[in-house]
């Protein structure tokens, strides 16, 4: 059974509530925007915690991977092509935005978060792909793991790619790694005594 936890960070069931930031040594603000001012949020965290290390990052596209292969491919191959974006993530808008920024002509199949990739889902993908004249199917790194067995057995699909995501540090990178190093050194020293 699912239970609601109210406001939690990050959003979703079974995540830490905001009050947990009191105990945090490191806080990473994800999906930050370089033009966004996080000073109010940073000030809040500094008031409730003992000056945690605060790092701002955002996700950036890092190429594509063709299903069944490992070598990364360039995003440019999406430009001007009909793409079916398939995902089962809580908020797929950023995924769709990244594909559109790469020039894809996008048709979206946004499944419920944590959907099971059963035969009915693959039938929906096949139908939606055919209706939209999709030249490619692009999915998330999370979804390809859940869906790989189904894609392996289907032969009438357009090529399936995964959008590779990298993390870009906007601020606090050096402080983050210093804090991690200090924590590891302290833990190692404590366990060798």
Protein backbone atom coordinates (compact mmCIF):
# COMPACT_ATOMS: atom_id res chain seq x y z
CA UNK A 1 0.00 0.00 0.00
CA UNK A 2 1.15 3.52 -0.71
CA UNK A 3 1.11 6.18 1.95
CA UNK A 4 1.33 9.92 1.60
CA UNK A 5 4.13 11.61 3.48
CA UNK A 6 3.25 15.24 2.74
CA UNK A 7 5.94 17.63 1.59
CA UNK A 8 9.19 15.75 1.14
CA UNK A 9 12.51 16.41 -0.56
CA UNK A 10 12.98 15.20 -3.26
CA UNK A 11 9.33 14.84 -4.12
CA UNK A 12 7.95 11.34 -3.90
CA UNK A 13 7.05 8.64 -1.42
CA UNK A 14 9.61 7.46 1.12
CA UNK A 15 11.90 10.47 0.78
CA UNK A 16 13.33 12.65 3.52
CA UNK A 17 11.04 15.34 4.93
CA UNK A 18 12.46 18.90 4.87
CA UNK A 19 13.20 18.79 8.63
CA UNK A 20 15.83 16.11 7.90
CA UNK A 21 18.02 18.91 6.54
CA UNK A 22 18.80 19.75 10.18
CA UNK A 23 21.07 16.71 10.29
CA UNK A 24 22.61 17.16 6.85
CA UNK A 25 26.31 17.79 6.33
CA UNK A 26 25.83 18.10 2.57
CA UNK A 27 22.81 19.41 0.66
CA UNK A 28 22.70 19.08 -3.12
CA UNK A 29 20.15 21.22 -4.93
CA UNK A 30 19.34 19.34 -8.13
CA UNK A 31 17.80 20.71 -11.32
CA UNK A 32 19.12 24.12 -10.36
CA UNK A 33 19.19 26.77 -13.04
CA UNK A 34 22.22 29.00 -13.45
CA UNK A 35 19.93 32.05 -13.58
CA UNK A 36 17.94 31.09 -10.46
CA UNK A 37 18.79 32.70 -7.13
CA UNK A 38 18.83 30.05 -4.41
CA UNK A 39 19.91 32.49 -1.68
CA UNK A 40 16.62 32.20 0.26
CA UNK A 41 16.84 28.40 0.26
CA UNK A 42 20.55 28.47 1.14
CA UNK A 43 19.87 30.92 3.98
CA UNK A 44 17.11 28.65 5.28
CA UNK A 45 19.38 25.57 5.29
CA UNK A 46 22.16 27.50 7.02
CA UNK A 47 19.71 28.55 9.77
CA UNK A 48 18.38 25.06 10.51
CA UNK A 49 21.63 23.14 10.08
CA UNK A 50 25.20 23.71 11.26
CA UNK A 51 26.33 25.31 7.98
CA UNK A 52 26.08 22.38 5.62
CA UNK A 53 27.98 22.26 2.36
CA UNK A 54 25.48 23.35 -0.27
CA UNK A 55 26.06 22.38 -3.89
CA UNK A 56 23.93 23.32 -6.91
CA UNK A 57 23.80 20.99 -9.91
CA UNK A 58 21.69 20.45 -12.97
CA UNK A 59 21.26 17.59 -15.43
CA UNK A 60 22.61 18.05 -18.93
CA UNK A 61 22.34 15.74 -21.92
CA UNK A 62 25.49 13.72 -22.54
CA UNK A 63 24.63 11.95 -25.78
CA UNK A 64 22.61 8.90 -26.71
CA UNK A 65 23.21 5.19 -26.45
CA UNK A 66 21.67 2.81 -28.98
CA UNK A 67 19.93 -0.09 -27.25
CA UNK A 68 22.27 -3.06 -26.94
CA UNK A 69 25.42 -0.99 -27.47
CA UNK A 70 27.70 0.92 -25.15
CA UNK A 71 29.35 3.56 -27.31
CA UNK A 72 27.84 7.01 -26.87
CA UNK A 73 26.40 8.72 -29.92
CA UNK A 74 25.85 12.40 -30.62
CA UNK A 75 22.62 14.21 -29.82
CA UNK A 76 22.73 15.88 -33.25
CA UNK A 77 21.10 12.82 -34.80
CA UNK A 78 17.83 13.88 -33.14
CA UNK A 79 17.69 17.18 -35.02
CA UNK A 80 14.62 17.34 -37.23
CA UNK A 81 13.68 13.69 -36.68
CA UNK A 82 10.39 12.24 -35.45
CA UNK A 83 11.09 10.93 -31.95
CA UNK A 84 8.84 9.02 -29.57
CA UNK A 85 9.89 9.88 -26.00
CA UNK A 86 8.94 7.05 -23.62
CA UNK A 87 9.30 7.41 -19.87
CA UNK A 88 7.84 6.32 -16.55
CA UNK A 89 9.37 8.97 -14.31
CA UNK A 90 7.56 11.25 -11.88
CA UNK A 91 8.17 14.49 -13.77
CA UNK A 92 9.16 13.84 -17.39
CA UNK A 93 9.01 17.48 -18.49
CA UNK A 94 12.79 17.99 -18.14
CA UNK A 95 13.43 14.83 -20.22
CA UNK A 96 11.10 16.13 -22.94
CA UNK A 97 12.68 19.59 -22.78
CA UNK A 98 16.17 18.16 -23.30
CA UNK A 99 15.02 16.21 -26.36
CA UNK A 100 13.31 19.27 -27.84
CA UNK A 101 16.42 21.39 -27.23
CA UNK A 102 18.34 18.81 -29.26
CA UNK A 103 15.94 19.46 -32.16
CA UNK A 104 13.70 16.39 -31.94
CA UNK A 105 10.16 16.54 -33.29
CA UNK A 106 8.64 15.03 -30.21
CA UNK A 107 5.72 12.72 -29.55
CA UNK A 108 5.38 11.83 -25.88
CA UNK A 109 4.33 8.63 -24.17
CA UNK A 110 4.55 9.50 -20.48
CA UNK A 111 3.66 6.45 -18.44
CA UNK A 112 2.78 6.46 -14.77
CA UNK A 113 5.83 6.76 -12.49
CA UNK A 114 7.40 3.34 -11.87
CA UNK A 115 5.20 1.66 -14.49
CA UNK A 116 5.84 -1.97 -15.23
CA UNK A 117 6.89 -2.57 -18.81
CA UNK A 118 4.54 -5.42 -19.65
CA UNK A 119 3.21 -6.51 -23.04
CA UNK A 120 0.41 -3.92 -22.97
CA UNK A 121 2.95 -1.11 -22.52
CA UNK A 122 5.03 -2.37 -25.44
CA UNK A 123 1.87 -2.51 -27.54
CA UNK A 124 1.16 1.15 -26.60
CA UNK A 125 4.72 2.06 -27.60
CA UNK A 126 4.36 0.23 -30.92
CA UNK A 127 1.01 1.90 -31.72
CA UNK A 128 2.11 5.39 -30.64
CA UNK A 129 5.34 5.00 -32.61
CA UNK A 130 3.43 3.99 -35.74
CA UNK A 131 0.85 6.77 -35.36
CA UNK A 132 3.56 9.40 -34.99
CA UNK A 133 5.82 8.00 -37.73
CA UNK A 134 8.60 7.81 -35.14
CA UNK A 135 12.04 7.30 -36.62
CA UNK A 136 13.54 6.75 -33.16
CA UNK A 137 12.39 5.89 -29.67
CA UNK A 138 14.25 7.64 -26.87
CA UNK A 139 13.87 6.66 -23.22
CA UNK A 140 15.52 7.47 -19.89
CA UNK A 141 18.38 5.64 -18.23
CA UNK A 142 15.98 4.52 -15.51
CA UNK A 143 13.45 3.19 -18.00
CA UNK A 144 15.84 1.27 -20.23
CA UNK A 145 16.84 -0.88 -17.27
CA UNK A 146 13.21 -1.78 -16.58
CA UNK A 147 12.27 -2.24 -20.24
CA UNK A 148 15.30 -3.93 -21.78
CA UNK A 149 13.88 -7.46 -21.88
CA UNK A 150 10.81 -6.22 -23.75
CA UNK A 151 12.83 -4.24 -26.29
CA UNK A 152 15.08 -7.26 -26.87
CA UNK A 153 12.15 -9.32 -28.12
CA UNK A 154 10.46 -6.75 -30.34
CA UNK A 155 11.65 -6.50 -33.91
CA UNK A 156 9.16 -4.05 -35.46
CA UNK A 157 10.23 -1.03 -33.40
CA UNK A 158 12.25 1.93 -34.61
CA UNK A 159 15.75 2.02 -33.07
CA UNK A 160 15.64 2.55 -29.29
CA UNK A 161 18.06 5.01 -27.69
CA UNK A 162 18.71 6.09 -24.13
CA UNK A 163 19.31 9.75 -23.36
CA UNK A 164 22.52 9.87 -21.35
CA UNK A 165 22.54 12.41 -18.54
CA UNK A 166 25.52 14.06 -16.88
CA UNK A 167 25.67 16.37 -13.88
CA UNK A 168 26.93 19.91 -14.32
CA UNK A 169 28.06 21.69 -11.16
CA UNK A 170 26.81 25.26 -10.92
CA UNK A 171 28.31 26.00 -7.51
CA UNK A 172 29.85 24.26 -4.52
CA UNK A 173 31.74 21.48 -6.32
CA UNK A 174 35.03 22.01 -4.50
CA UNK A 175 33.32 22.24 -1.10
CA UNK A 176 31.33 19.08 -1.80
CA UNK A 177 34.41 16.99 -2.57
CA UNK A 178 36.36 18.45 0.36
CA UNK A 179 33.50 17.52 2.69
CA UNK A 180 33.27 14.00 1.27
CA UNK A 181 37.05 13.51 1.55
CA UNK A 182 37.02 14.73 5.16
CA UNK A 183 34.14 12.40 6.03
CA UNK A 184 35.84 9.39 4.42
CA UNK A 185 39.13 10.16 6.15
CA UNK A 186 37.40 10.52 9.52
CA UNK A 187 35.47 7.28 9.00
CA UNK A 188 38.60 5.41 7.91
CA UNK A 189 40.57 6.71 10.88
CA UNK A 190 37.78 5.70 13.29
CA UNK A 191 37.54 2.15 11.91
CA UNK A 192 41.30 1.51 11.99
CA UNK A 193 41.68 2.40 15.68
